[in-house]
Amino acid sequence: MEGIDHRIVRANGIKMHIAEKGQGSVVLFLHVFLELWHYWRHQIRALSSLGYHAVAPDLRGFGDTEAPTSITNYTYDHIVNDLVALIDSLSVEQVFLVAHDWGAIMGWYLCLFKPERVKAFVCLSVPFTPSLPYTDFGLGDVVAGTTPVTTSREPSYHICKDADEDSTPSRCTYKY
């Protein structure tokens, strides 16, 4: 696409495709399910013309970003760590985050687990849901029967799976 630069960055052990334009504070766009960076092409052009560095990756498994073969490589933890590594590769501490649909869910998790990396979050269509007792976020079954993040039966806590193979639940440091 004319005027938008494309490159591959190393992020959390994978090659991630990003589209970017402009200089200044970073605005990071996260795309919807089954879409790519292209979803944000008009916003990339508009914000870069206003003095921002607009960046839109293809998220893990989408487009020109590497797609690990094991479904266990698609947890919230993996995707949040991809985003943190992407932010690091841009040589900034914080980003303005704009996300929609699937990207908004990942955006909420980035804000939840790495709040120091997000200056502000514009969430389109997916409100933050602080507690959904007795259920997961509706995506656990998609990840090979695992539930990367679920709510417990008691309010105010989230249970997170450990990153290692024993998958013993442990309490997150975050509490509502």
N, C-alpha and C. Protein backbone atom coordinates (compact mmCIF):
# COMPACT_ATOMS: atom_id res chain seq x y z
N MET A 1 0.85 -1.17 0.00
CA MET A 1 0.00 0.00 0.00
C MET A 1 0.90 1.23 0.00
N GLU A 2 0.61 2.14 -0.85
CA GLU A 2 1.43 3.32 -1.07
C GLU A 2 1.62 4.15 0.20
N GLY A 3 2.88 4.46 0.49
CA GLY A 3 3.18 5.33 1.61
C GLY A 3 3.25 4.65 2.97
N ILE A 4 2.86 3.41 3.04
CA ILE A 4 2.93 2.67 4.30
C ILE A 4 4.07 1.68 4.18
N ASP A 5 5.00 1.74 5.13
CA ASP A 5 6.16 0.85 5.11
C ASP A 5 5.82 -0.47 5.78
N HIS A 6 6.45 -1.53 5.29
CA HIS A 6 6.25 -2.86 5.85
C HIS A 6 7.60 -3.44 6.23
N ARG A 7 7.62 -4.15 7.34
CA ARG A 7 8.84 -4.84 7.74
C ARG A 7 8.49 -5.99 8.68
N ILE A 8 9.46 -6.83 8.90
CA ILE A 8 9.33 -7.97 9.81
C ILE A 8 10.19 -7.68 11.03
N VAL A 9 9.61 -7.84 12.22
CA VAL A 9 10.37 -7.69 13.46
C VAL A 9 10.33 -9.03 14.22
N ARG A 10 11.34 -9.25 15.03
CA ARG A 10 11.35 -10.42 15.91
C ARG A 10 10.58 -10.04 17.16
N ALA A 11 9.60 -10.87 17.51
CA ALA A 11 8.76 -10.57 18.68
C ALA A 11 8.42 -11.88 19.38
N ASN A 12 8.96 -12.06 20.56
CA ASN A 12 8.59 -13.22 21.38
C ASN A 12 8.84 -14.54 20.64
N GLY A 13 9.93 -14.61 19.90
CA GLY A 13 10.31 -15.84 19.22
C GLY A 13 9.67 -16.07 17.86
N ILE A 14 8.87 -15.14 17.39
CA ILE A 14 8.28 -15.28 16.06
C ILE A 14 8.64 -14.07 15.20
N LYS A 15 8.47 -14.22 13.90
CA LYS A 15 8.64 -13.11 12.97
C LYS A 15 7.27 -12.47 12.79
N MET A 16 7.20 -11.19 13.12
CA MET A 16 5.92 -10.46 13.06
C MET A 16 5.98 -9.39 11.98
N HIS A 17 4.98 -9.42 11.12
CA HIS A 17 4.86 -8.40 10.08
C HIS A 17 4.17 -7.17 10.68
N ILE A 18 4.74 -6.00 10.39
CA ILE A 18 4.09 -4.75 10.80
C ILE A 18 4.01 -3.80 9.61
N ALA A 19 2.98 -3.00 9.61
CA ALA A 19 2.83 -1.90 8.66
C ALA A 19 2.93 -0.63 9.50
N GLU A 20 3.67 0.36 9.01
CA GLU A 20 3.88 1.57 9.82
C GLU A 20 4.08 2.78 8.94
N LYS A 21 3.79 3.91 9.55
CA LYS A 21 3.98 5.19 8.84
C LYS A 21 4.06 6.29 9.89
N GLY A 22 4.91 7.25 9.64
CA GLY A 22 4.98 8.43 10.49
C GLY A 22 6.06 8.36 11.56
N GLN A 23 6.17 9.48 12.27
CA GLN A 23 7.11 9.61 13.37
C GLN A 23 6.40 10.29 14.52
N GLY A 24 6.89 10.03 15.71
CA GLY A 24 6.28 10.63 16.89
C GLY A 24 5.81 9.55 17.85
N SER A 25 4.89 9.90 18.72
CA SER A 25 4.34 8.92 19.66
C SER A 25 3.70 7.77 18.89
N VAL A 26 3.87 6.56 19.42
CA VAL A 26 3.37 5.37 18.72
C VAL A 26 1.90 5.13 19.04
N VAL A 27 1.12 4.93 17.97
CA VAL A 27 -0.25 4.47 18.08
C VAL A 27 -0.25 3.05 17.52
N LEU A 28 -0.56 2.08 18.36
CA LEU A 28 -0.55 0.68 17.97
C LEU A 28 -1.97 0.21 17.74
N PHE A 29 -2.24 -0.30 16.55
CA PHE A 29 -3.57 -0.76 16.16
C PHE A 29 -3.61 -2.30 16.17
N LEU A 30 -4.64 -2.87 16.78
CA LEU A 30 -4.82 -4.32 16.80
C LEU A 30 -6.08 -4.68 16.03
N HIS A 31 -5.93 -5.55 15.07
CA HIS A 31 -7.01 -5.85 14.12
C HIS A 31 -8.04 -6.83 14.67
N VAL A 32 -9.14 -6.93 13.93
CA VAL A 32 -10.24 -7.82 14.30
C VAL A 32 -9.91 -9.24 13.86
N PHE A 33 -10.71 -10.19 14.35
CA PHE A 33 -10.54 -11.60 13.99
C PHE A 33 -10.70 -11.77 12.48
N LEU A 34 -9.81 -12.54 11.90
CA LEU A 34 -9.78 -12.84 10.47
C LEU A 34 -9.48 -11.62 9.60
N GLU A 35 -8.85 -10.63 10.16
CA GLU A 35 -8.40 -9.47 9.39
C GLU A 35 -6.90 -9.33 9.56
N LEU A 36 -6.35 -8.28 8.96
CA LEU A 36 -4.91 -8.02 9.00
C LEU A 36 -4.68 -6.55 9.27
N TRP A 37 -3.42 -6.13 9.20
CA TRP A 37 -3.04 -4.72 9.38
C TRP A 37 -3.89 -3.84 8.46
N HIS A 38 -4.23 -4.35 7.29
CA HIS A 38 -4.94 -3.59 6.25
C HIS A 38 -6.25 -2.99 6.76
N TYR A 39 -6.83 -3.61 7.76
CA TYR A 39 -8.06 -3.12 8.38
C TYR A 39 -7.91 -1.66 8.82
N TRP A 40 -6.68 -1.27 9.23
CA TRP A 40 -6.41 0.06 9.79
C TRP A 40 -5.75 1.01 8.81
N ARG A 41 -5.70 0.70 7.53
CA ARG A 41 -4.93 1.49 6.56
C ARG A 41 -5.32 2.97 6.54
N HIS A 42 -6.60 3.27 6.64
CA HIS A 42 -7.03 4.67 6.60
C HIS A 42 -6.60 5.41 7.87
N GLN A 43 -6.70 4.75 9.01
CA GLN A 43 -6.29 5.36 10.28
C GLN A 43 -4.78 5.54 10.34
N ILE A 44 -4.03 4.60 9.76
CA ILE A 44 -2.57 4.74 9.71
C ILE A 44 -2.19 6.02 8.97
N ARG A 45 -2.79 6.22 7.82
CA ARG A 45 -2.49 7.42 7.02
C ARG A 45 -2.91 8.70 7.77
N ALA A 46 -4.12 8.67 8.32
CA ALA A 46 -4.63 9.87 8.99
C ALA A 46 -3.78 10.25 10.20
N LEU A 47 -3.47 9.30 11.07
CA LEU A 47 -2.72 9.63 12.28
C LEU A 47 -1.26 9.96 11.99
N SER A 48 -0.69 9.31 10.98
CA SER A 48 0.70 9.65 10.64
C SER A 48 0.78 11.08 10.12
N SER A 49 -0.26 11.55 9.45
CA SER A 49 -0.26 12.93 8.95
C SER A 49 -0.41 13.95 10.08
N LEU A 50 -0.83 13.47 11.26
CA LEU A 50 -0.99 14.35 12.42
C LEU A 50 0.20 14.28 13.39
N GLY A 51 1.27 13.61 12.96
CA GLY A 51 2.48 13.57 13.76
C GLY A 51 2.64 12.35 14.66
N TYR A 52 1.93 11.29 14.37
CA TYR A 52 2.06 10.05 15.13
C TYR A 52 2.77 8.98 14.31
N HIS A 53 3.38 8.04 15.00
CA HIS A 53 3.96 6.86 14.37
C HIS A 53 2.90 5.76 14.49
N ALA A 54 2.17 5.54 13.42
CA ALA A 54 1.08 4.56 13.41
C ALA A 54 1.62 3.20 13.01
N VAL A 55 1.31 2.18 13.82
CA VAL A 55 1.83 0.83 13.62
C VAL A 55 0.68 -0.16 13.72
N ALA A 56 0.59 -1.05 12.74
CA ALA A 56 -0.43 -2.10 12.77
C ALA A 56 0.22 -3.43 12.42
N PRO A 57 0.29 -4.35 13.38
CA PRO A 57 0.86 -5.66 13.08
C PRO A 57 -0.21 -6.60 12.53
N ASP A 58 0.26 -7.66 11.88
CA ASP A 58 -0.56 -8.85 11.70
C ASP A 58 -0.31 -9.65 12.97
N LEU A 59 -1.34 -9.93 13.74
CA LEU A 59 -1.17 -10.66 14.99
C LEU A 59 -0.73 -12.10 14.73
N ARG A 60 -0.23 -12.75 15.75
CA ARG A 60 0.26 -14.13 15.69
C ARG A 60 -0.72 -15.02 14.91
N GLY A 61 -0.18 -15.68 13.87
CA GLY A 61 -0.99 -16.60 13.08
C GLY A 61 -1.77 -15.97 11.95
N PHE A 62 -1.69 -14.66 11.80
CA PHE A 62 -2.43 -13.96 10.75
C PHE A 62 -1.46 -13.38 9.71
N GLY A 63 -1.90 -13.34 8.46
CA GLY A 63 -1.17 -12.65 7.40
C GLY A 63 0.27 -13.10 7.27
N ASP A 64 1.18 -12.13 7.24
CA ASP A 64 2.59 -12.41 7.05
C ASP A 64 3.34 -12.62 8.36
N THR A 65 2.62 -12.67 9.47
CA THR A 65 3.26 -12.99 10.75
C THR A 65 3.31 -14.50 10.89
N GLU A 66 4.40 -14.96 11.49
CA GLU A 66 4.60 -16.40 11.66
C GLU A 66 3.43 -17.03 12.41
N ALA A 67 3.14 -18.27 12.03
CA ALA A 67 2.05 -19.03 12.64
C ALA A 67 2.60 -20.33 13.21
N PRO A 68 2.94 -20.33 14.51
CA PRO A 68 3.41 -21.58 15.11
C PRO A 68 2.38 -22.70 14.90
N THR A 69 2.86 -23.91 14.73
CA THR A 69 1.96 -25.01 14.40
C THR A 69 1.14 -25.52 15.58
N SER A 70 1.69 -25.46 16.78
CA SER A 70 0.96 -25.98 17.94
C SER A 70 -0.08 -24.98 18.42
N ILE A 71 -1.28 -25.46 18.62
CA ILE A 71 -2.35 -24.59 19.10
C ILE A 71 -2.06 -24.05 20.50
N THR A 72 -1.19 -24.71 21.23
CA THR A 72 -0.84 -24.23 22.57
C THR A 72 -0.01 -22.95 22.53
N ASN A 73 0.42 -22.54 21.34
CA ASN A 73 1.18 -21.30 21.17
C ASN A 73 0.29 -20.09 20.88
N TYR A 74 -1.01 -20.21 21.19
CA TYR A 74 -1.95 -19.13 20.91
C TYR A 74 -2.73 -18.73 22.16
N THR A 75 -2.07 -18.70 23.29
CA THR A 75 -2.73 -18.27 24.52
C THR A 75 -2.65 -16.75 24.64
N TYR A 76 -3.43 -16.20 25.55
CA TYR A 76 -3.36 -14.76 25.82
C TYR A 76 -1.94 -14.37 26.20
N ASP A 77 -1.30 -15.22 27.00
CA ASP A 77 0.06 -14.94 27.43
C ASP A 77 1.00 -14.78 26.24
N HIS A 78 0.90 -15.66 25.26
CA HIS A 78 1.74 -15.55 24.07
C HIS A 78 1.49 -14.25 23.33
N ILE A 79 0.23 -13.92 23.15
CA ILE A 79 -0.11 -12.73 22.36
C ILE A 79 0.28 -11.45 23.10
N VAL A 80 0.04 -11.40 24.40
CA VAL A 80 0.48 -10.23 25.18
C VAL A 80 1.99 -10.09 25.11
N ASN A 81 2.71 -11.19 25.23
CA ASN A 81 4.17 -11.12 25.14
C ASN A 81 4.63 -10.73 23.74
N ASP A 82 3.88 -11.14 22.71
CA ASP A 82 4.18 -10.67 21.35
C ASP A 82 4.09 -9.15 21.29
N LEU A 83 3.02 -8.62 21.88
CA LEU A 83 2.80 -7.16 21.83
C LEU A 83 3.87 -6.42 22.63
N VAL A 84 4.25 -6.94 23.78
CA VAL A 84 5.31 -6.31 24.57
C VAL A 84 6.62 -6.31 23.77
N ALA A 85 6.95 -7.44 23.14
CA ALA A 85 8.17 -7.51 22.34
C ALA A 85 8.09 -6.56 21.14
N LEU A 86 6.92 -6.42 20.56
CA LEU A 86 6.75 -5.46 19.46
C LEU A 86 6.99 -4.03 19.96
N ILE A 87 6.42 -3.70 21.09
CA ILE A 87 6.63 -2.36 21.66
C ILE A 87 8.11 -2.14 21.93
N ASP A 88 8.79 -3.15 22.47
CA ASP A 88 10.23 -3.04 22.70
C ASP A 88 10.98 -2.81 21.39
N SER A 89 10.57 -3.51 20.33
CA SER A 89 11.26 -3.38 19.04
C SER A 89 11.09 -1.98 18.45
N LEU A 90 10.06 -1.27 18.88
CA LEU A 90 9.83 0.09 18.42
C LEU A 90 10.62 1.11 19.25
N SER A 91 11.33 0.62 20.25
CA SER A 91 12.18 1.45 21.13
C SER A 91 11.38 2.51 21.87
N VAL A 92 10.20 2.13 22.35
CA VAL A 92 9.38 3.02 23.17
C VAL A 92 8.95 2.27 24.42
N GLU A 93 8.61 3.03 25.44
CA GLU A 93 8.13 2.43 26.69
C GLU A 93 6.62 2.24 26.70
N GLN A 94 5.91 3.17 26.05
CA GLN A 94 4.45 3.12 26.06
C GLN A 94 3.90 3.42 24.68
N VAL A 95 2.68 2.94 24.45
CA VAL A 95 1.98 3.21 23.20
C VAL A 95 0.55 3.66 23.50
N PHE A 96 -0.01 4.39 22.55
CA PHE A 96 -1.45 4.59 22.53
C PHE A 96 -1.98 3.37 21.81
N LEU A 97 -2.94 2.70 22.40
CA LEU A 97 -3.45 1.44 21.87
C LEU A 97 -4.86 1.65 21.34
N VAL A 98 -5.10 1.19 20.12
CA VAL A 98 -6.43 1.25 19.50
C VAL A 98 -6.74 -0.15 19.01
N ALA A 99 -7.88 -0.70 19.43
CA ALA A 99 -8.17 -2.08 19.06
C ALA A 99 -9.67 -2.30 18.91
N HIS A 100 -9.99 -3.30 18.10
CA HIS A 100 -11.38 -3.62 17.79
C HIS A 100 -11.56 -5.13 17.80
N ASP A 101 -12.71 -5.61 18.30
CA ASP A 101 -13.10 -7.01 18.21
C ASP A 101 -12.03 -7.88 18.89
N TRP A 102 -11.50 -8.86 18.20
CA TRP A 102 -10.47 -9.77 18.74
C TRP A 102 -9.28 -8.96 19.25
N GLY A 103 -8.88 -7.97 18.50
CA GLY A 103 -7.77 -7.12 18.93
C GLY A 103 -8.08 -6.41 20.24
N ALA A 104 -9.35 -6.04 20.45
CA ALA A 104 -9.74 -5.38 21.69
C ALA A 104 -9.60 -6.31 22.88
N ILE A 105 -9.93 -7.57 22.69
CA ILE A 105 -9.76 -8.54 23.78
C ILE A 105 -8.28 -8.62 24.14
N MET A 106 -7.42 -8.70 23.12
CA MET A 106 -5.97 -8.75 23.37
C MET A 106 -5.50 -7.44 24.00
N GLY A 107 -6.10 -6.33 23.57
CA GLY A 107 -5.77 -5.03 24.15
C GLY A 107 -6.09 -4.97 25.63
N TRP A 108 -7.26 -5.50 26.01
CA TRP A 108 -7.61 -5.52 27.43
C TRP A 108 -6.60 -6.34 28.23
N TYR A 109 -6.16 -7.46 27.66
CA TYR A 109 -5.17 -8.27 28.37
C TYR A 109 -3.82 -7.58 28.46
N LEU A 110 -3.44 -6.85 27.43
CA LEU A 110 -2.20 -6.07 27.51
C LEU A 110 -2.33 -5.04 28.63
N CYS A 111 -3.46 -4.36 28.70
CA CYS A 111 -3.69 -3.36 29.77
C CYS A 111 -3.72 -4.02 31.14
N LEU A 112 -4.29 -5.19 31.23
CA LEU A 112 -4.41 -5.90 32.51
C LEU A 112 -3.05 -6.37 33.02
N PHE A 113 -2.26 -6.99 32.15
CA PHE A 113 -1.02 -7.61 32.58
C PHE A 113 0.22 -6.74 32.42
N LYS A 114 0.17 -5.75 31.55
CA LYS A 114 1.31 -4.85 31.33
C LYS A 114 0.84 -3.41 31.24
N PRO A 115 0.15 -2.90 32.26
CA PRO A 115 -0.43 -1.55 32.19
C PRO A 115 0.61 -0.46 31.99
N GLU A 116 1.82 -0.70 32.42
CA GLU A 116 2.87 0.31 32.28
C GLU A 116 3.27 0.52 30.82
N ARG A 117 2.85 -0.36 29.90
CA ARG A 117 3.22 -0.24 28.49
C ARG A 117 2.17 0.51 27.67
N VAL A 118 1.02 0.82 28.29
CA VAL A 118 -0.08 1.46 27.56
C VAL A 118 -0.35 2.85 28.12
N LYS A 119 -0.20 3.86 27.28
CA LYS A 119 -0.47 5.24 27.70
C LYS A 119 -1.97 5.51 27.74
N ALA A 120 -2.69 5.00 26.76
CA ALA A 120 -4.15 5.14 26.69
C ALA A 120 -4.67 4.03 25.79
N PHE A 121 -5.91 3.62 26.03
CA PHE A 121 -6.51 2.54 25.25
C PHE A 121 -7.86 2.98 24.70
N VAL A 122 -7.99 2.92 23.38
CA VAL A 122 -9.27 3.17 22.71
C VAL A 122 -9.77 1.80 22.28
N CYS A 123 -10.85 1.37 22.92
CA CYS A 123 -11.40 0.04 22.67
C CYS A 123 -12.69 0.19 21.87
N LEU A 124 -12.75 -0.49 20.75
CA LEU A 124 -13.93 -0.43 19.90
C LEU A 124 -14.69 -1.75 19.98
N SER A 125 -15.88 -1.72 20.48
CA SER A 125 -16.87 -2.80 20.47
C SER A 125 -16.76 -3.86 21.56
N VAL A 126 -15.69 -3.91 22.32
CA VAL A 126 -15.57 -4.95 23.34
C VAL A 126 -15.29 -4.30 24.69
N PRO A 127 -16.31 -4.16 25.53
CA PRO A 127 -16.10 -3.54 26.84
C PRO A 127 -15.30 -4.45 27.76
N PHE A 128 -14.64 -3.85 28.71
CA PHE A 128 -13.94 -4.62 29.72
C PHE A 128 -14.97 -5.31 30.60
N THR A 129 -14.78 -6.58 30.84
CA THR A 129 -15.67 -7.35 31.69
C THR A 129 -14.87 -7.83 32.89
N PRO A 130 -14.99 -7.15 34.02
CA PRO A 130 -14.13 -7.47 35.16
C PRO A 130 -14.37 -8.84 35.77
N SER A 131 -15.54 -9.39 35.65
CA SER A 131 -15.78 -10.70 36.24
C SER A 131 -16.93 -11.39 35.54
N LEU A 132 -16.68 -12.60 35.11
CA LEU A 132 -17.72 -13.43 34.52
C LEU A 132 -17.74 -14.75 35.29
N PRO A 133 -18.38 -14.79 36.45
CA PRO A 133 -18.33 -16.00 37.26
C PRO A 133 -18.83 -17.23 36.51
N TYR A 134 -18.22 -18.36 36.82
CA TYR A 134 -18.62 -19.67 36.33
C TYR A 134 -18.34 -19.92 34.85
N THR A 135 -17.55 -19.07 34.24
CA THR A 135 -17.31 -19.26 32.81
C THR A 135 -15.93 -18.73 32.44
N ASP A 136 -15.51 -19.04 31.23
CA ASP A 136 -14.31 -18.40 30.72
C ASP A 136 -14.74 -17.26 29.81
N PHE A 137 -13.83 -16.71 29.05
CA PHE A 137 -14.16 -15.57 28.21
C PHE A 137 -14.71 -16.01 26.86
N GLY A 138 -15.10 -17.28 26.75
CA GLY A 138 -15.70 -17.75 25.52
C GLY A 138 -14.70 -18.21 24.49
N LEU A 139 -13.41 -18.15 24.79
CA LEU A 139 -12.40 -18.51 23.81
C LEU A 139 -11.59 -19.72 24.23
N GLY A 140 -11.77 -20.20 25.45
CA GLY A 140 -10.95 -21.29 25.95
C GLY A 140 -11.05 -22.55 25.13
N ASP A 141 -12.25 -22.92 24.71
CA ASP A 141 -12.42 -24.14 23.94
C ASP A 141 -11.75 -24.05 22.58
N VAL A 142 -11.57 -22.84 22.07
CA VAL A 142 -10.90 -22.65 20.79
C VAL A 142 -9.44 -23.07 20.90
N VAL A 143 -8.87 -22.95 22.07
CA VAL A 143 -7.45 -23.26 22.27
C VAL A 143 -7.33 -24.71 22.76
N ALA A 144 -7.69 -25.64 21.90
CA ALA A 144 -7.52 -27.08 22.13
C ALA A 144 -8.01 -27.54 23.49
N GLY A 145 -9.15 -27.05 23.91
CA GLY A 145 -9.71 -27.51 25.16
C GLY A 145 -9.06 -26.88 26.39
N THR A 146 -8.09 -26.03 26.21
CA THR A 146 -7.47 -25.37 27.36
C THR A 146 -8.17 -24.05 27.58
N THR A 147 -7.99 -23.50 28.73
CA THR A 147 -8.57 -22.20 29.03
C THR A 147 -7.46 -21.31 29.54
N PRO A 148 -6.84 -20.52 28.66
CA PRO A 148 -5.71 -19.70 29.07
C PRO A 148 -6.03 -18.76 30.22
N VAL A 149 -7.18 -18.15 30.22
CA VAL A 149 -7.57 -17.29 31.33
C VAL A 149 -9.03 -17.57 31.63
N THR A 150 -9.33 -17.86 32.86
CA THR A 150 -10.72 -18.08 33.25
C THR A 150 -11.00 -17.32 34.52
N THR A 151 -12.24 -17.14 34.82
CA THR A 151 -12.59 -16.55 36.10
C THR A 151 -12.88 -17.66 37.08
N SER A 152 -12.62 -17.41 38.32
CA SER A 152 -12.91 -18.40 39.35
C SER A 152 -14.35 -18.22 39.82
N ARG A 153 -14.79 -19.11 40.68
CA ARG A 153 -16.15 -19.02 41.20
C ARG A 153 -16.28 -17.96 42.27
N GLU A 154 -15.19 -17.47 42.76
CA GLU A 154 -15.25 -16.39 43.74
C GLU A 154 -14.99 -15.08 43.01
N PRO A 155 -15.67 -14.02 43.35
CA PRO A 155 -15.50 -12.76 42.62
C PRO A 155 -14.13 -12.14 42.89
N SER A 156 -13.72 -11.28 42.01
CA SER A 156 -12.57 -10.40 42.18
C SER A 156 -11.22 -11.03 41.90
N TYR A 157 -11.14 -12.24 41.41
CA TYR A 157 -9.86 -12.84 41.06
C TYR A 157 -9.95 -13.49 39.68
N HIS A 158 -8.83 -13.48 38.98
CA HIS A 158 -8.72 -14.26 37.76
C HIS A 158 -7.70 -15.34 38.00
N ILE A 159 -7.91 -16.48 37.42
CA ILE A 159 -6.96 -17.58 37.48
C ILE A 159 -6.19 -17.58 36.16
N CYS A 160 -4.88 -17.71 36.23
CA CYS A 160 -4.07 -17.74 35.02
C CYS A 160 -3.32 -19.06 34.97
N LYS A 161 -3.25 -19.66 33.79
CA LYS A 161 -2.44 -20.86 33.66
C LYS A 161 -0.97 -20.47 33.67
N ASP A 162 -0.16 -21.30 34.31
CA ASP A 162 1.28 -21.08 34.27
C ASP A 162 1.77 -21.32 32.86
N ALA A 163 2.89 -20.72 32.53
CA ALA A 163 3.45 -20.87 31.20
C ALA A 163 4.09 -22.25 31.00
N ASP A 164 4.43 -22.95 32.08
CA ASP A 164 5.09 -24.25 31.92
C ASP A 164 4.07 -25.35 31.64
N GLU A 165 4.58 -26.54 31.38
CA GLU A 165 3.73 -27.63 30.93
C GLU A 165 2.82 -28.22 31.99
N ASP A 166 3.12 -28.03 33.27
CA ASP A 166 2.26 -28.65 34.28
C ASP A 166 0.91 -27.96 34.39
N SER A 167 0.78 -26.79 33.82
CA SER A 167 -0.46 -26.00 33.75
C SER A 167 -1.22 -25.95 35.06
N THR A 168 -0.47 -25.87 36.14
CA THR A 168 -1.09 -25.70 37.45
C THR A 168 -1.56 -24.26 37.58
N PRO A 169 -2.83 -24.05 37.89
CA PRO A 169 -3.30 -22.66 38.01
C PRO A 169 -2.60 -21.93 39.16
N SER A 170 -2.38 -20.68 38.95
CA SER A 170 -1.84 -19.84 40.01
C SER A 170 -2.58 -18.52 40.01
N ARG A 171 -2.67 -17.86 41.14
CA ARG A 171 -3.37 -16.57 41.20
C ARG A 171 -2.55 -15.50 40.51
N CYS A 172 -3.24 -14.66 39.80
CA CYS A 172 -2.58 -13.50 39.19
C CYS A 172 -2.34 -12.46 40.27
N THR A 173 -1.44 -11.56 39.98
CA THR A 173 -1.21 -10.48 40.93
C THR A 173 -2.29 -9.41 40.81
N TYR A 174 -3.04 -9.45 39.74
CA TYR A 174 -4.07 -8.45 39.53
C TYR A 174 -5.36 -8.86 40.25
N LYS A 175 -5.96 -7.93 40.95
CA LYS A 175 -7.20 -8.16 41.66
C LYS A 175 -8.12 -6.98 41.42
N TYR A 176 -9.41 -7.21 41.23
CA TYR A 176 -10.36 -6.14 41.01
C TYR A 176 -10.73 -5.50 42.32
